[in-house]
Amino acid sequence: MILELVRFRHPPGKTREELLDGARAALPRWQANEALVRKYFAASLDHAHGLGVYLWPTLADARAGHDAAWRAQAQARTGAPVEITYHDLLLVLDHEHAGTSEPPPSPDLPDPAAP
């Protein structure tokens, strides 16, 4: 499982409600993406930055979700490049559902031991 972090700048002066309205407006796009397992919408405490946390079954799915066209429109909208990092999700502790889970590895992860 791939955990993808997408960090971007918010326009100055946005209220929490305005940011929430923007997140709500983005919902249909992500609801239509059947590869997406889960998405969290977040904002820094000062509302200067947004953070999307995504769970994807594969690295290819994550990269397809934020392709070059998406990155270009995000940069045009925010005025700054979007920062995206990918992570191999190893283990999940979930107190809300009283359990843990070990997601399967993405089949397309690069081999860090390869030369």
PDB file of N, CA and C in Angstrom:
ATOM      1  N   MET A   1       0.849  -1.168   0.000  1.00  0.00           N
ATOM      2  CA  MET A   1       0.000   0.000   0.000  1.00  0.00           C
ATOM      3  C   MET A   1       0.895   1.232   0.000  1.00  0.00           C
ATOM      4  N   ILE A   2       0.507   2.219  -0.767  1.00  0.00           N
ATOM      5  CA  ILE A   2       1.262   3.466  -0.877  1.00  0.00           C
ATOM      6  C   ILE A   2       0.546   4.569  -0.119  1.00  0.00           C
ATOM      7  N   LEU A   3       1.286   5.262   0.723  1.00  0.00           N
ATOM      8  CA  LEU A   3       0.804   6.459   1.387  1.00  0.00           C
ATOM      9  C   LEU A   3       1.426   7.632   0.642  1.00  0.00           C
ATOM     10  N   GLU A   4       0.592   8.492   0.107  1.00  0.00           N
ATOM     11  CA  GLU A   4       1.068   9.647  -0.656  1.00  0.00           C
ATOM     12  C   GLU A   4       0.724  10.910   0.129  1.00  0.00           C
ATOM     13  N   LEU A   5       1.713  11.789   0.278  1.00  0.00           N
ATOM     14  CA  LEU A   5       1.507  13.081   0.923  1.00  0.00           C
ATOM     15  C   LEU A   5       1.623  14.171  -0.137  1.00  0.00           C
ATOM     16  N   VAL A   6       0.592  14.998  -0.229  1.00  0.00           N
ATOM     17  CA  VAL A   6       0.565  16.095  -1.193  1.00  0.00           C
ATOM     18  C   VAL A   6       0.425  17.394  -0.402  1.00  0.00           C
ATOM     19  N   ARG A   7       1.446  18.236  -0.475  1.00  0.00           N
ATOM     20  CA  ARG A   7       1.450  19.500   0.266  1.00  0.00           C
ATOM     21  C   ARG A   7       1.416  20.653  -0.730  1.00  0.00           C
ATOM     22  N   PHE A   8       0.567  21.639  -0.434  1.00  0.00           N
ATOM     23  CA  PHE A   8       0.404  22.777  -1.329  1.00  0.00           C
ATOM     24  C   PHE A   8       0.094  24.033  -0.518  1.00  0.00           C
ATOM     25  N   ARG A   9       0.256  25.169  -1.163  1.00  0.00           N
ATOM     26  CA  ARG A   9       0.027  26.449  -0.507  1.00  0.00           C
ATOM     27  C   ARG A   9      -1.437  26.842  -0.670  1.00  0.00           C
ATOM     28  N   HIS A  10      -2.022  27.399   0.388  1.00  0.00           N
ATOM     29  CA  HIS A  10      -3.358  27.973   0.302  1.00  0.00           C
ATOM     30  C   HIS A  10      -3.243  29.476   0.049  1.00  0.00           C
ATOM     31  N   PRO A  11      -4.222  30.062  -0.627  1.00  0.00           N
ATOM     32  CA  PRO A  11      -4.210  31.526  -0.754  1.00  0.00           C
ATOM     33  C   PRO A  11      -4.299  32.168   0.632  1.00  0.00           C
ATOM     34  N   PRO A  12      -3.594  33.266   0.853  1.00  0.00           N
ATOM     35  CA  PRO A  12      -3.611  33.917   2.165  1.00  0.00           C
ATOM     36  C   PRO A  12      -5.020  34.366   2.567  1.00  0.00           C
ATOM     37  N   GLY A  13      -5.271  34.284   3.870  1.00  0.00           N
ATOM     38  CA  GLY A  13      -6.512  34.821   4.406  1.00  0.00           C
ATOM     39  C   GLY A  13      -7.734  33.928   4.319  1.00  0.00           C
ATOM     40  N   LYS A  14      -7.578  32.705   3.868  1.00  0.00           N
ATOM     41  CA  LYS A  14      -8.730  31.798   3.756  1.00  0.00           C
ATOM     42  C   LYS A  14      -9.172  31.334   5.137  1.00  0.00           C
ATOM     43  N   THR A  15     -10.473  31.324   5.343  1.00  0.00           N
ATOM     44  CA  THR A  15     -11.013  30.820   6.599  1.00  0.00           C
ATOM     45  C   THR A  15     -11.120  29.303   6.532  1.00  0.00           C
ATOM     46  N   ARG A  16     -11.316  28.690   7.678  1.00  0.00           N
ATOM     47  CA  ARG A  16     -11.509  27.239   7.726  1.00  0.00           C
ATOM     48  C   ARG A  16     -12.712  26.830   6.879  1.00  0.00           C
ATOM     49  N   GLU A  17     -13.780  27.594   6.954  1.00  0.00           N
ATOM     50  CA  GLU A  17     -14.985  27.262   6.174  1.00  0.00           C
ATOM     51  C   GLU A  17     -14.720  27.364   4.678  1.00  0.00           C
ATOM     52  N   GLU A  18     -13.957  28.357   4.248  1.00  0.00           N
ATOM     53  CA  GLU A  18     -13.605  28.478   2.829  1.00  0.00           C
ATOM     54  C   GLU A  18     -12.748  27.298   2.372  1.00  0.00           C
ATOM     55  N   LEU A  19     -11.812  26.887   3.226  1.00  0.00           N
ATOM     56  CA  LEU A  19     -10.987  25.726   2.889  1.00  0.00           C
ATOM     57  C   LEU A  19     -11.836  24.465   2.830  1.00  0.00           C
ATOM     58  N   LEU A  20     -12.766  24.340   3.742  1.00  0.00           N
ATOM     59  CA  LEU A  20     -13.665  23.189   3.745  1.00  0.00           C
ATOM     60  C   LEU A  20     -14.541  23.177   2.497  1.00  0.00           C
ATOM     61  N   ASP A  21     -15.005  24.331   2.062  1.00  0.00           N
ATOM     62  CA  ASP A  21     -15.784  24.420   0.819  1.00  0.00           C
ATOM     63  C   ASP A  21     -14.955  23.941  -0.374  1.00  0.00           C
ATOM     64  N   GLY A  22     -13.677  24.311  -0.401  1.00  0.00           N
ATOM     65  CA  GLY A  22     -12.794  23.853  -1.476  1.00  0.00           C
ATOM     66  C   GLY A  22     -12.609  22.346  -1.447  1.00  0.00           C
ATOM     67  N   ALA A  23     -12.460  21.786  -0.254  1.00  0.00           N
ATOM     68  CA  ALA A  23     -12.325  20.333  -0.119  1.00  0.00           C
ATOM     69  C   ALA A  23     -13.605  19.647  -0.587  1.00  0.00           C
ATOM     70  N   ARG A  24     -14.746  20.180  -0.193  1.00  0.00           N
ATOM     71  CA  ARG A  24     -16.016  19.598  -0.637  1.00  0.00           C
ATOM     72  C   ARG A  24     -16.143  19.632  -2.160  1.00  0.00           C
ATOM     73  N   ALA A  25     -15.683  20.713  -2.769  1.00  0.00           N
ATOM     74  CA  ALA A  25     -15.760  20.839  -4.230  1.00  0.00           C
ATOM     75  C   ALA A  25     -14.880  19.801  -4.928  1.00  0.00           C
ATOM     76  N   ALA A  26     -13.805  19.375  -4.267  1.00  0.00           N
ATOM     77  CA  ALA A  26     -12.896  18.377  -4.850  1.00  0.00           C
ATOM     78  C   ALA A  26     -13.410  16.946  -4.677  1.00  0.00           C
ATOM     79  N   LEU A  27     -14.376  16.736  -3.792  1.00  0.00           N
ATOM     80  CA  LEU A  27     -14.856  15.379  -3.508  1.00  0.00           C
ATOM     81  C   LEU A  27     -15.265  14.583  -4.743  1.00  0.00           C
ATOM     82  N   PRO A  28     -16.068  15.129  -5.667  1.00  0.00           N
ATOM     83  CA  PRO A  28     -16.499  14.300  -6.811  1.00  0.00           C
ATOM     84  C   PRO A  28     -15.338  13.723  -7.617  1.00  0.00           C
ATOM     85  N   ARG A  29     -14.272  14.500  -7.783  1.00  0.00           N
ATOM     86  CA  ARG A  29     -13.107  13.994  -8.533  1.00  0.00           C
ATOM     87  C   ARG A  29     -12.531  12.761  -7.860  1.00  0.00           C
ATOM     88  N   TRP A  30     -12.392  12.814  -6.540  1.00  0.00           N
ATOM     89  CA  TRP A  30     -11.774  11.708  -5.829  1.00  0.00           C
ATOM     90  C   TRP A  30     -12.742  10.557  -5.611  1.00  0.00           C
ATOM     91  N   GLN A  31     -14.017  10.843  -5.479  1.00  0.00           N
ATOM     92  CA  GLN A  31     -15.013   9.771  -5.372  1.00  0.00           C
ATOM     93  C   GLN A  31     -15.081   8.963  -6.665  1.00  0.00           C
ATOM     94  N   ALA A  32     -14.803   9.595  -7.791  1.00  0.00           N
ATOM     95  CA  ALA A  32     -14.844   8.919  -9.093  1.00  0.00           C
ATOM     96  C   ALA A  32     -13.600   8.072  -9.351  1.00  0.00           C
ATOM     97  N   ASN A  33     -12.535   8.269  -8.580  1.00  0.00           N
ATOM     98  CA  ASN A  33     -11.297   7.510  -8.776  1.00  0.00           C
ATOM     99  C   ASN A  33     -11.394   6.202  -7.994  1.00  0.00           C
ATOM    100  N   GLU A  34     -11.705   5.127  -8.689  1.00  0.00           N
ATOM    101  CA  GLU A  34     -11.921   3.829  -8.036  1.00  0.00           C
ATOM    102  C   GLU A  34     -10.650   3.203  -7.481  1.00  0.00           C
ATOM    103  N   ALA A  35      -9.496   3.682  -7.904  1.00  0.00           N
ATOM    104  CA  ALA A  35      -8.238   3.139  -7.377  1.00  0.00           C
ATOM    105  C   ALA A  35      -7.942   3.684  -5.978  1.00  0.00           C
ATOM    106  N   LEU A  36      -8.468   4.856  -5.663  1.00  0.00           N
ATOM    107  CA  LEU A  36      -8.183   5.492  -4.377  1.00  0.00           C
ATOM    108  C   LEU A  36      -8.836   4.711  -3.241  1.00  0.00           C
ATOM    109  N   VAL A  37      -8.038   4.356  -2.239  1.00  0.00           N
ATOM    110  CA  VAL A  37      -8.541   3.624  -1.077  1.00  0.00           C
ATOM    111  C   VAL A  37      -9.111   4.596  -0.050  1.00  0.00           C
ATOM    112  N   ARG A  38      -8.361   5.658   0.249  1.00  0.00           N
ATOM    113  CA  ARG A  38      -8.783   6.626   1.270  1.00  0.00           C
ATOM    114  C   ARG A  38      -8.066   7.938   1.023  1.00  0.00           C
ATOM    115  N   LYS A  39      -8.723   9.033   1.412  1.00  0.00           N
ATOM    116  CA  LYS A  39      -8.119  10.362   1.285  1.00  0.00           C
ATOM    117  C   LYS A  39      -8.487  11.184   2.508  1.00  0.00           C
ATOM    118  N   TYR A  40      -7.499  11.897   3.044  1.00  0.00           N
ATOM    119  CA  TYR A  40      -7.706  12.843   4.127  1.00  0.00           C
ATOM    120  C   TYR A  40      -7.399  14.241   3.598  1.00  0.00           C
ATOM    121  N   PHE A  41      -8.257  15.194   3.904  1.00  0.00           N
ATOM    122  CA  PHE A  41      -8.049  16.597   3.575  1.00  0.00           C
ATOM    123  C   PHE A  41      -7.619  17.293   4.863  1.00  0.00           C
ATOM    124  N   ALA A  42      -6.515  18.032   4.845  1.00  0.00           N
ATOM    125  CA  ALA A  42      -6.042  18.697   6.052  1.00  0.00           C
ATOM    126  C   ALA A  42      -5.480  20.071   5.701  1.00  0.00           C
ATOM    127  N   ALA A  43      -5.383  20.917   6.723  1.00  0.00           N
ATOM    128  CA  ALA A  43      -4.772  22.238   6.579  1.00  0.00           C
ATOM    129  C   ALA A  43      -3.837  22.458   7.747  1.00  0.00           C
ATOM    130  N   SER A  44      -2.760  23.200   7.486  1.00  0.00           N
ATOM    131  CA  SER A  44      -1.882  23.577   8.587  1.00  0.00           C
ATOM    132  C   SER A  44      -2.682  24.431   9.568  1.00  0.00           C
ATOM    133  N   LEU A  45      -2.225  24.505  10.798  1.00  0.00           N
ATOM    134  CA  LEU A  45      -2.974  25.221  11.826  1.00  0.00           C
ATOM    135  C   LEU A  45      -3.162  26.699  11.496  1.00  0.00           C
ATOM    136  N   ASP A  46      -2.224  27.264  10.738  1.00  0.00           N
ATOM    137  CA  ASP A  46      -2.368  28.669  10.332  1.00  0.00           C
ATOM    138  C   ASP A  46      -3.082  28.808   8.984  1.00  0.00           C
ATOM    139  N   HIS A  47      -3.514  27.688   8.420  1.00  0.00           N
ATOM    140  CA  HIS A  47      -4.238  27.616   7.135  1.00  0.00           C
ATOM    141  C   HIS A  47      -3.400  28.064   5.939  1.00  0.00           C
ATOM    142  N   ALA A  48      -2.103  28.191   6.110  1.00  0.00           N
ATOM    143  CA  ALA A  48      -1.237  28.604   5.006  1.00  0.00           C
ATOM    144  C   ALA A  48      -1.000  27.489   3.999  1.00  0.00           C
ATOM    145  N   HIS A  49      -1.076  26.234   4.452  1.00  0.00           N
ATOM    146  CA  HIS A  49      -0.819  25.092   3.568  1.00  0.00           C
ATOM    147  C   HIS A  49      -1.913  24.051   3.703  1.00  0.00           C
ATOM    148  N   GLY A  50      -2.136  23.353   2.603  1.00  0.00           N
ATOM    149  CA  GLY A  50      -3.024  22.205   2.606  1.00  0.00           C
ATOM    150  C   GLY A  50      -2.205  20.944   2.515  1.00  0.00           C
ATOM    151  N   LEU A  51      -2.780  19.860   3.007  1.00  0.00           N
ATOM    152  CA  LEU A  51      -2.129  18.567   2.934  1.00  0.00           C
ATOM    153  C   LEU A  51      -3.184  17.534   2.575  1.00  0.00           C
ATOM    154  N   GLY A  52      -2.912  16.789   1.533  1.00  0.00           N
ATOM    155  CA  GLY A  52      -3.741  15.645   1.190  1.00  0.00           C
ATOM    156  C   GLY A  52      -2.980  14.388   1.537  1.00  0.00           C
ATOM    157  N   VAL A  53      -3.641  13.486   2.221  1.00  0.00           N
ATOM    158  CA  VAL A  53      -3.055  12.190   2.560  1.00  0.00           C
ATOM    159  C   VAL A  53      -3.883  11.149   1.833  1.00  0.00           C
ATOM    160  N   TYR A  54      -3.229  10.364   0.991  1.00  0.00           N
ATOM    161  CA  TYR A  54      -3.914   9.411   0.133  1.00  0.00           C
ATOM    162  C   TYR A  54      -3.380   8.009   0.380  1.00  0.00           C
ATOM    163  N   LEU A  55      -4.250   7.027   0.324  1.00  0.00           N
ATOM    164  CA  LEU A  55      -3.844   5.627   0.347  1.00  0.00           C
ATOM    165  C   LEU A  55      -4.197   5.024  -1.002  1.00  0.00           C
ATOM    166  N   TRP A  56      -3.204   4.406  -1.625  1.00  0.00           N
ATOM    167  CA  TRP A  56      -3.344   3.806  -2.949  1.00  0.00           C
ATOM    168  C   TRP A  56      -2.832   2.366  -2.908  1.00  0.00           C
ATOM    169  N   PRO A  57      -3.403   1.487  -3.720  1.00  0.00           N
ATOM    170  CA  PRO A  57      -2.890   0.115  -3.766  1.00  0.00           C
ATOM    171  C   PRO A  57      -1.509   0.006  -4.422  1.00  0.00           C
ATOM    172  N   THR A  58      -1.230   0.897  -5.389  1.00  0.00           N
ATOM    173  CA  THR A  58       0.052   0.810  -6.093  1.00  0.00           C
ATOM    174  C   THR A  58       0.652   2.197  -6.290  1.00  0.00           C
ATOM    175  N   LEU A  59       1.953   2.218  -6.511  1.00  0.00           N
ATOM    176  CA  LEU A  59       2.649   3.454  -6.828  1.00  0.00           C
ATOM    177  C   LEU A  59       2.136   4.029  -8.144  1.00  0.00           C
ATOM    178  N   ALA A  60       1.851   3.181  -9.108  1.00  0.00           N
ATOM    179  CA  ALA A  60       1.320   3.643 -10.395  1.00  0.00           C
ATOM    180  C   ALA A  60      -0.018   4.355 -10.210  1.00  0.00           C
ATOM    181  N   ASP A  61      -0.883   3.825  -9.347  1.00  0.00           N
ATOM    182  CA  ASP A  61      -2.165   4.487  -9.074  1.00  0.00           C
ATOM    183  C   ASP A  61      -1.941   5.869  -8.474  1.00  0.00           C
ATOM    184  N   ALA A  62      -1.004   5.966  -7.537  1.00  0.00           N
ATOM    185  CA  ALA A  62      -0.718   7.255  -6.902  1.00  0.00           C
ATOM    186  C   ALA A  62      -0.216   8.259  -7.929  1.00  0.00           C
ATOM    187  N   ARG A  63       0.709   7.830  -8.762  1.00  0.00           N
ATOM    188  CA  ARG A  63       1.259   8.747  -9.774  1.00  0.00           C
ATOM    189  C   ARG A  63       0.202   9.148 -10.795  1.00  0.00           C
ATOM    190  N   ALA A  64      -0.691   8.240 -11.136  1.00  0.00           N
ATOM    191  CA  ALA A  64      -1.764   8.562 -12.083  1.00  0.00           C
ATOM    192  C   ALA A  64      -2.758   9.542 -11.468  1.00  0.00           C
ATOM    193  N   GLY A  65      -2.969   9.451 -10.162  1.00  0.00           N
ATOM    194  CA  GLY A  65      -3.895  10.354  -9.490  1.00  0.00           C
ATOM    195  C   GLY A  65      -3.435  11.799  -9.497  1.00  0.00           C
ATOM    196  N   HIS A  66      -2.145  12.003  -9.542  1.00  0.00           N
ATOM    197  CA  HIS A  66      -1.568  13.350  -9.565  1.00  0.00           C
ATOM    198  C   HIS A  66      -0.580  13.445 -10.722  1.00  0.00           C
ATOM    199  N   ASP A  67      -1.113  13.331 -11.921  1.00  0.00           N
ATOM    200  CA  ASP A  67      -0.284  13.354 -13.123  1.00  0.00           C
ATOM    201  C   ASP A  67       0.169  14.787 -13.443  1.00  0.00           C
ATOM    202  N   ALA A  68       0.882  14.952 -14.553  1.00  0.00           N
ATOM    203  CA  ALA A  68       1.443  16.256 -14.928  1.00  0.00           C
ATOM    204  C   ALA A  68       0.352  17.308 -15.112  1.00  0.00           C
ATOM    205  N   ALA A  69      -0.778  16.925 -15.683  1.00  0.00           N
ATOM    206  CA  ALA A  69      -1.874  17.880 -15.887  1.00  0.00           C
ATOM    207  C   ALA A  69      -2.427  18.348 -14.544  1.00  0.00           C
ATOM    208  N   TRP A  70      -2.583  17.426 -13.598  1.00  0.00           N
ATOM    209  CA  TRP A  70      -3.089  17.807 -12.279  1.00  0.00           C
ATOM    210  C   TRP A  70      -2.101  18.738 -11.579  1.00  0.00           C
ATOM    211  N   ARG A  71      -0.819  18.406 -11.662  1.00  0.00           N
ATOM    212  CA  ARG A  71       0.199  19.239 -11.011  1.00  0.00           C
ATOM    213  C   ARG A  71       0.211  20.651 -11.609  1.00  0.00           C
ATOM    214  N   ALA A  72       0.050  20.745 -12.928  1.00  0.00           N
ATOM    215  CA  ALA A  72       0.059  22.049 -13.593  1.00  0.00           C
ATOM    216  C   ALA A  72      -1.125  22.898 -13.148  1.00  0.00           C
ATOM    217  N   GLN A  73      -2.315  22.305 -13.069  1.00  0.00           N
ATOM    218  CA  GLN A  73      -3.479  23.087 -12.646  1.00  0.00           C
ATOM    219  C   GLN A  73      -3.361  23.474 -11.180  1.00  0.00           C
ATOM    220  N   ALA A  74      -2.783  22.608 -10.353  1.00  0.00           N
ATOM    221  CA  ALA A  74      -2.614  22.925  -8.932  1.00  0.00           C
ATOM    222  C   ALA A  74      -1.627  24.074  -8.763  1.00  0.00           C
ATOM    223  N   GLN A  75      -0.555  24.057  -9.535  1.00  0.00           N
ATOM    224  CA  GLN A  75       0.415  25.147  -9.452  1.00  0.00           C
ATOM    225  C   GLN A  75      -0.205  26.452  -9.944  1.00  0.00           C
ATOM    226  N   ALA A  76      -0.988  26.401 -11.020  1.00  0.00           N
ATOM    227  CA  ALA A  76      -1.648  27.602 -11.528  1.00  0.00           C
ATOM    228  C   ALA A  76      -2.643  28.151 -10.494  1.00  0.00           C
ATOM    229  N   ARG A  77      -3.327  27.262  -9.800  1.00  0.00           N
ATOM    230  CA  ARG A  77      -4.347  27.660  -8.822  1.00  0.00           C
ATOM    231  C   ARG A  77      -3.723  28.225  -7.546  1.00  0.00           C
ATOM    232  N   THR A  78      -2.599  27.654  -7.108  1.00  0.00           N
ATOM    233  CA  THR A  78      -2.013  28.056  -5.829  1.00  0.00           C
ATOM    234  C   THR A  78      -0.837  29.016  -5.971  1.00  0.00           C
ATOM    235  N   GLY A  79      -0.242  29.087  -7.160  1.00  0.00           N
ATOM    236  CA  GLY A  79       0.895  29.964  -7.374  1.00  0.00           C
ATOM    237  C   GLY A  79       2.225  29.385  -6.935  1.00  0.00           C
ATOM    238  N   ALA A  80       2.238  28.104  -6.601  1.00  0.00           N
ATOM    239  CA  ALA A  80       3.485  27.472  -6.148  1.00  0.00           C
ATOM    240  C   ALA A  80       3.461  26.002  -6.545  1.00  0.00           C
ATOM    241  N   PRO A  81       4.633  25.409  -6.729  1.00  0.00           N
ATOM    242  CA  PRO A  81       4.678  23.975  -7.029  1.00  0.00           C
ATOM    243  C   PRO A  81       4.099  23.156  -5.869  1.00  0.00           C
ATOM    244  N   VAL A  82       3.517  22.038  -6.210  1.00  0.00           N
ATOM    245  CA  VAL A  82       2.986  21.099  -5.229  1.00  0.00           C
ATOM    246  C   VAL A  82       4.106  20.136  -4.854  1.00  0.00           C
ATOM    247  N   GLU A  83       4.217  19.817  -3.567  1.00  0.00           N
ATOM    248  CA  GLU A  83       5.213  18.847  -3.101  1.00  0.00           C
ATOM    249  C   GLU A  83       4.516  17.502  -2.901  1.00  0.00           C
ATOM    250  N   ILE A  84       5.030  16.459  -3.554  1.00  0.00           N
ATOM    251  CA  ILE A  84       4.445  15.130  -3.425  1.00  0.00           C
ATOM    252  C   ILE A  84       5.530  14.141  -3.026  1.00  0.00           C
ATOM    253  N   THR A  85       5.236  13.358  -1.994  1.00  0.00           N
ATOM    254  CA  THR A  85       6.135  12.283  -1.598  1.00  0.00           C
ATOM    255  C   THR A  85       5.334  10.997  -1.472  1.00  0.00           C
ATOM    256  N   TYR A  86       6.017   9.882  -1.731  1.00  0.00           N
ATOM    257  CA  TYR A  86       5.400   8.560  -1.680  1.00  0.00           C
ATOM    258  C   TYR A  86       6.091   7.733  -0.598  1.00  0.00           C
ATOM    259  N   HIS A  87       5.286   6.930   0.090  1.00  0.00           N
ATOM    260  CA  HIS A  87       5.815   6.139   1.201  1.00  0.00           C
ATOM    261  C   HIS A  87       5.216   4.736   1.164  1.00  0.00           C
ATOM    262  N   ASP A  88       6.009   3.756   1.552  1.00  0.00           N
ATOM    263  CA  ASP A  88       5.561   2.373   1.660  1.00  0.00           C
ATOM    264  C   ASP A  88       4.868   2.234   3.016  1.00  0.00           C
ATOM    265  N   LEU A  89       3.560   2.053   3.027  1.00  0.00           N
ATOM    266  CA  LEU A  89       2.808   1.952   4.278  1.00  0.00           C
ATOM    267  C   LEU A  89       3.028   0.568   4.868  1.00  0.00           C
ATOM    268  N   LEU A  90       3.662   0.529   6.032  1.00  0.00           N
ATOM    269  CA  LEU A  90       4.057  -0.735   6.648  1.00  0.00           C
ATOM    270  C   LEU A  90       3.017  -1.295   7.613  1.00  0.00           C
ATOM    271  N   LEU A  91       2.482  -0.439   8.465  1.00  0.00           N
ATOM    272  CA  LEU A  91       1.625  -0.910   9.540  1.00  0.00           C
ATOM    273  C   LEU A  91       0.676   0.213   9.928  1.00  0.00           C
ATOM    274  N   VAL A  92      -0.553  -0.146  10.296  1.00  0.00           N
ATOM    275  CA  VAL A  92      -1.551   0.833  10.728  1.00  0.00           C
ATOM    276  C   VAL A  92      -2.065   0.435  12.106  1.00  0.00           C
ATOM    277  N   LEU A  93      -2.025   1.372  13.034  1.00  0.00           N
ATOM    278  CA  LEU A  93      -2.632   1.196  14.351  1.00  0.00           C
ATOM    279  C   LEU A  93      -3.890   2.056  14.357  1.00  0.00           C
ATOM    280  N   ASP A  94      -5.026   1.459  14.653  1.00  0.00           N
ATOM    281  CA  ASP A  94      -6.316   2.157  14.610  1.00  0.00           C
ATOM    282  C   ASP A  94      -7.036   1.954  15.930  1.00  0.00           C
ATOM    283  N   HIS A  95      -6.907   2.914  16.838  1.00  0.00           N
ATOM    284  CA  HIS A  95      -7.577   2.817  18.138  1.00  0.00           C
ATOM    285  C   HIS A  95      -9.092   2.901  17.983  1.00  0.00           C
ATOM    286  N   GLU A  96      -9.557   3.664  17.001  1.00  0.00           N
ATOM    287  CA  GLU A  96     -11.001   3.824  16.804  1.00  0.00           C
ATOM    288  C   GLU A  96     -11.682   2.488  16.540  1.00  0.00           C
ATOM    289  N   HIS A  97     -11.018   1.636  15.776  1.00  0.00           N
ATOM    290  CA  HIS A  97     -11.578   0.320  15.446  1.00  0.00           C
ATOM    291  C   HIS A  97     -10.870  -0.811  16.189  1.00  0.00           C
ATOM    292  N   ALA A  98     -10.100  -0.449  17.202  1.00  0.00           N
ATOM    293  CA  ALA A  98      -9.436  -1.403  18.096  1.00  0.00           C
ATOM    294  C   ALA A  98      -8.647  -2.469  17.351  1.00  0.00           C
ATOM    295  N   GLY A  99      -7.737  -2.029  16.514  1.00  0.00           N
ATOM    296  CA  GLY A  99      -6.948  -3.032  15.817  1.00  0.00           C
ATOM    297  C   GLY A  99      -5.748  -2.460  15.108  1.00  0.00           C
ATOM    298  N   THR A 100      -5.045  -3.377  14.488  1.00  0.00           N
ATOM    299  CA  THR A 100      -3.918  -3.027  13.631  1.00  0.00           C
ATOM    300  C   THR A 100      -4.089  -3.761  12.317  1.00  0.00           C
ATOM    301  N   SER A 101      -3.401  -3.270  11.298  1.00  0.00           N
ATOM    302  CA  SER A 101      -3.399  -3.974  10.021  1.00  0.00           C
ATOM    303  C   SER A 101      -2.048  -3.779   9.358  1.00  0.00           C
ATOM    304  N   GLU A 102      -1.683  -4.767   8.569  1.00  0.00           N
ATOM    305  CA  GLU A 102      -0.455  -4.701   7.785  1.00  0.00           C
ATOM    306  C   GLU A 102      -0.862  -4.739   6.319  1.00  0.00           C
ATOM    307  N   PRO A 103      -0.936  -3.567   5.686  1.00  0.00           N
ATOM    308  CA  PRO A 103      -1.351  -3.528   4.285  1.00  0.00           C
ATOM    309  C   PRO A 103      -0.368  -4.281   3.398  1.00  0.00           C
ATOM    310  N   PRO A 104      -0.861  -4.858   2.314  1.00  0.00           N
ATOM    311  CA  PRO A 104       0.053  -5.533   1.394  1.00  0.00           C
ATOM    312  C   PRO A 104       0.968  -4.526   0.708  1.00  0.00           C
ATOM    313  N   PRO A 105       2.177  -4.941   0.377  1.00  0.00           N
ATOM    314  CA  PRO A 105       3.079  -4.018  -0.326  1.00  0.00           C
ATOM    315  C   PRO A 105       2.580  -3.755  -1.743  1.00  0.00           C
ATOM    316  N   SER A 106       2.894  -2.577  -2.226  1.00  0.00           N
ATOM    317  CA  SER A 106       2.581  -2.255  -3.613  1.00  0.00           C
ATOM    318  C   SER A 106       3.432  -3.151  -4.509  1.00  0.00           C
ATOM    319  N   PRO A 107       2.831  -3.785  -5.513  1.00  0.00           N
ATOM    320  CA  PRO A 107       3.616  -4.683  -6.371  1.00  0.00           C
ATOM    321  C   PRO A 107       4.623  -3.946  -7.253  1.00  0.00           C
ATOM    322  N   ASP A 108       4.504  -2.630  -7.370  1.00  0.00           N
ATOM    323  CA  ASP A 108       5.406  -1.895  -8.256  1.00  0.00           C
ATOM    324  C   ASP A 108       6.413  -1.016  -7.508  1.00  0.00           C
ATOM    325  N   LEU A 109       6.666  -1.349  -6.244  1.00  0.00           N
ATOM    326  CA  LEU A 109       7.686  -0.609  -5.503  1.00  0.00           C
ATOM    327  C   LEU A 109       9.068  -0.903  -6.065  1.00  0.00           C
ATOM    328  N   PRO A 110       9.897   0.130  -6.163  1.00  0.00           N
ATOM    329  CA  PRO A 110      11.277  -0.133  -6.575  1.00  0.00           C
ATOM    330  C   PRO A 110      12.003  -0.914  -5.496  1.00  0.00           C
ATOM    331  N   ASP A 111      12.941  -1.711  -5.889  1.00  0.00           N
ATOM    332  CA  ASP A 111      13.737  -2.503  -4.946  1.00  0.00           C
ATOM    333  C   ASP A 111      14.890  -1.637  -4.435  1.00  0.00           C
ATOM    334  N   PRO A 112      14.851  -1.230  -3.148  1.00  0.00           N
ATOM    335  CA  PRO A 112      15.921  -0.359  -2.643  1.00  0.00           C
ATOM    336  C   PRO A 112      17.283  -1.048  -2.615  1.00  0.00           C
ATOM    337  N   ALA A 113      17.323  -2.356  -2.673  1.00  0.00           N
ATOM    338  CA  ALA A 113      18.586  -3.088  -2.651  1.00  0.00           C
ATOM    339  C   ALA A 113      19.192  -3.208  -4.047  1.00  0.00           C
ATOM    340  N   ALA A 114      18.426  -2.871  -5.062  1.00  0.00           N
ATOM    341  CA  ALA A 114      18.939  -3.000  -6.448  1.00  0.00           C
ATOM    342  C   ALA A 114      19.976  -1.916  -6.713  1.00  0.00           C
ATOM    343  N   PRO A 115      21.013  -2.265  -7.477  1.00  0.00           N
ATOM    344  CA  PRO A 115      22.070  -1.275  -7.792  1.00  0.00           C
ATOM    345  C   PRO A 115      21.577  -0.179  -8.709  1.00  0.00           C
TER     346      PRO A 115
END
